[in-house]
Amino acid sequence: MKVGKLESILWNIALPGFSQLLTGHYVKGIFFILSEVIINLQSKFNLAIMLSYLGEFDKAYSVTDYQWLLFYACLYFFAMWDGYRTAMPPDEKLSFLPFVFSAYLVTVGLFYCGELKLFGHLIGPVFMPMIFVIPGLIIGFTLRAIILKVSKRESFV
């Protein structure tokens, strides 16, 4: 089944592995889904999400197992990238950069979620890392554009 880039990303945002199942990559899709479930359960991420949306950030901090949650961003963005890669044209270059930098910076956001305040408030182990997606995307897209521009002149990509 042919899946578009946006559809692939949106299904993997819903649950990592869904777009892989849609494109017939069953082993990979099941691996991503099982990995997500294991990391989610071990880190107590769903409980942290629920508590964060209820504004109970102190409880969200206390229930979260950060040793497990640190795996989540890499799995999540890699599954999105993998689905995107399957749907993208073969000549598209360096489109992995926004995904990689988002994973990096979400991880950094998780490191500092108990330290950095937004408008004087800690916003928890869910929302602070989510905010760090924005600079990750900006850095990734900017770096991609620069490298592609330079490579056009130099022909090395």
Protein backbone atom coordinates (compact mmCIF):
# COMPACT_ATOMS: atom_id res chain seq x y z
CA MET A 1 0.00 0.00 0.00
CA LYS A 2 1.32 3.44 -0.93
CA VAL A 3 1.32 5.82 2.04
CA GLY A 4 2.20 9.51 1.73
CA LYS A 5 4.82 11.25 3.84
CA LEU A 6 2.31 13.21 5.93
CA GLU A 7 0.06 10.19 6.46
CA SER A 8 3.07 8.15 7.52
CA ILE A 9 4.19 10.73 10.06
CA LEU A 10 0.68 11.20 11.46
CA TRP A 11 0.12 7.45 11.92
CA ASN A 12 3.48 7.13 13.69
CA ILE A 13 2.62 10.09 15.92
CA ALA A 14 -0.50 8.16 16.92
CA LEU A 15 1.61 5.09 17.68
CA PRO A 16 5.10 4.27 16.45
CA GLY A 17 4.86 1.33 14.07
CA PHE A 18 1.45 2.07 12.56
CA SER A 19 2.79 3.39 9.23
CA GLN A 20 5.13 0.40 8.99
CA LEU A 21 2.11 -1.90 9.33
CA LEU A 22 0.28 0.10 6.64
CA THR A 23 3.18 -0.33 4.21
CA GLY A 24 3.53 -4.06 4.84
CA HIS A 25 6.68 -3.88 7.00
CA TYR A 26 5.07 -6.07 9.65
CA VAL A 27 8.15 -7.19 11.59
CA LYS A 28 9.40 -3.63 11.88
CA GLY A 29 5.93 -2.32 12.76
CA ILE A 30 5.38 -4.91 15.47
CA PHE A 31 8.87 -4.25 16.84
CA PHE A 32 8.15 -0.49 17.10
CA ILE A 33 4.75 -1.07 18.70
CA LEU A 34 6.09 -3.58 21.25
CA SER A 35 9.06 -1.32 22.04
CA GLU A 36 6.73 1.63 22.54
CA VAL A 37 4.45 -0.35 24.83
CA ILE A 38 7.37 -1.66 26.93
CA ILE A 39 9.00 1.77 27.26
CA ASN A 40 5.64 3.41 27.94
CA LEU A 41 4.74 0.94 30.69
CA GLN A 42 8.18 0.90 32.30
CA SER A 43 8.48 4.70 32.30
CA LYS A 44 4.85 5.18 33.40
CA PHE A 45 4.57 7.70 30.58
CA ASN A 46 0.79 7.47 30.12
CA LEU A 47 0.29 8.24 33.80
CA ALA A 48 2.70 11.18 33.51
CA ILE A 49 0.78 12.42 30.45
CA MET A 50 -2.54 12.19 32.29
CA LEU A 51 -1.18 13.97 35.37
CA SER A 52 0.44 16.66 33.22
CA TYR A 53 -2.80 17.40 31.40
CA LEU A 54 -4.50 17.65 34.78
CA GLY A 55 -1.84 20.18 35.86
CA GLU A 56 -0.45 17.88 38.56
CA PHE A 57 3.17 18.31 37.53
CA ASP A 58 4.68 17.33 40.89
CA LYS A 59 2.90 13.98 40.71
CA ALA A 60 3.97 13.59 37.07
CA TYR A 61 7.60 14.11 38.08
CA SER A 62 7.33 11.61 40.91
CA VAL A 63 5.77 8.76 38.91
CA THR A 64 8.06 9.00 35.87
CA ASP A 65 10.94 6.55 35.48
CA TYR A 66 13.43 8.68 33.55
CA GLN A 67 15.83 5.81 32.86
CA TRP A 68 13.13 4.28 30.67
CA LEU A 69 11.62 7.50 29.34
CA LEU A 70 14.96 8.60 27.87
CA PHE A 71 14.57 5.84 25.25
CA TYR A 72 11.20 7.17 24.13
CA ALA A 73 12.23 10.17 22.01
CA CYS A 74 14.73 8.17 19.97
CA LEU A 75 12.26 5.36 19.30
CA TYR A 76 9.45 7.80 18.53
CA PHE A 77 11.37 9.96 16.06
CA PHE A 78 13.15 7.01 14.47
CA ALA A 79 9.81 5.30 13.79
CA MET A 80 8.51 8.54 12.27
CA TRP A 81 11.66 8.87 10.16
CA ASP A 82 11.47 5.26 9.03
CA GLY A 83 7.87 5.68 7.92
CA TYR A 84 8.69 8.97 6.20
CA ARG A 85 11.70 7.42 4.45
CA THR A 86 9.51 4.67 3.04
CA ALA A 87 7.14 7.27 1.55
CA MET A 88 9.66 9.86 0.32
CA PRO A 89 11.00 10.12 -3.22
CA PRO A 90 14.35 8.33 -3.68
CA ASP A 91 16.17 11.54 -4.63
CA GLU A 92 15.19 13.44 -1.45
CA LYS A 93 18.36 14.20 0.52
CA LEU A 94 19.05 14.78 4.22
CA SER A 95 15.42 14.74 5.29
CA PHE A 96 16.44 12.78 8.39
CA LEU A 97 17.98 15.89 9.98
CA PRO A 98 14.76 17.40 11.46
CA PHE A 99 13.88 14.01 12.96
CA VAL A 100 17.35 13.49 14.44
CA PHE A 101 17.62 16.95 15.96
CA SER A 102 14.10 16.70 17.35
CA ALA A 103 15.04 13.42 19.06
CA TYR A 104 18.22 15.00 20.43
CA LEU A 105 16.50 18.06 21.79
CA VAL A 106 13.49 16.24 23.22
CA THR A 107 16.00 14.18 25.18
CA VAL A 108 17.71 17.38 26.36
CA GLY A 109 14.28 18.78 27.30
CA LEU A 110 13.70 15.69 29.40
CA PHE A 111 17.05 16.20 31.14
CA TYR A 112 16.10 19.74 32.11
CA CYS A 113 12.35 19.40 32.66
CA GLY A 114 12.82 19.60 36.43
CA GLU A 115 15.09 22.66 36.18
CA LEU A 116 13.78 24.96 33.44
CA LYS A 117 10.70 27.04 34.10
CA LEU A 118 8.25 28.50 31.64
CA PHE A 119 6.75 31.74 32.91
CA GLY A 120 8.04 30.87 36.38
CA HIS A 121 6.55 27.37 36.47
CA LEU A 122 7.88 23.87 35.96
CA ILE A 123 5.71 22.30 33.29
CA GLY A 124 6.52 18.66 33.76
CA PRO A 125 8.20 15.73 32.05
CA VAL A 126 5.72 15.79 29.16
CA PHE A 127 5.29 19.41 28.07
CA MET A 128 8.89 20.63 28.45
CA PRO A 129 10.31 17.93 26.14
CA MET A 130 7.46 18.62 23.69
CA ILE A 131 8.48 22.28 23.56
CA PHE A 132 12.03 21.18 22.68
CA VAL A 133 10.71 19.65 19.44
CA ILE A 134 10.41 23.18 18.04
CA PRO A 135 14.11 24.11 18.20
CA GLY A 136 14.94 20.56 17.05
CA LEU A 137 12.87 21.04 13.91
CA ILE A 138 14.26 24.54 13.33
CA ILE A 139 17.86 23.34 13.66
CA GLY A 140 17.23 20.25 11.52
CA PHE A 141 15.48 22.09 8.68
CA THR A 142 17.99 24.97 8.76
CA LEU A 143 20.99 22.64 8.73
CA ARG A 144 19.44 20.63 5.90
CA ALA A 145 18.84 23.78 3.84
CA ILE A 146 22.40 25.01 4.41
CA ILE A 147 23.99 21.67 3.53
CA LEU A 148 21.83 21.30 0.41
CA LYS A 149 22.68 24.84 -0.69
CA VAL A 150 26.40 24.32 -0.15
CA SER A 151 26.28 20.88 -1.77
CA LYS A 152 24.70 22.34 -4.91
CA ARG A 153 27.80 24.48 -5.30
CA GLU A 154 30.24 21.79 -4.18
CA SER A 155 28.40 18.65 -5.42
CA PHE A 156 29.31 16.49 -2.43
CA VAL A 157 25.91 15.27 -1.22
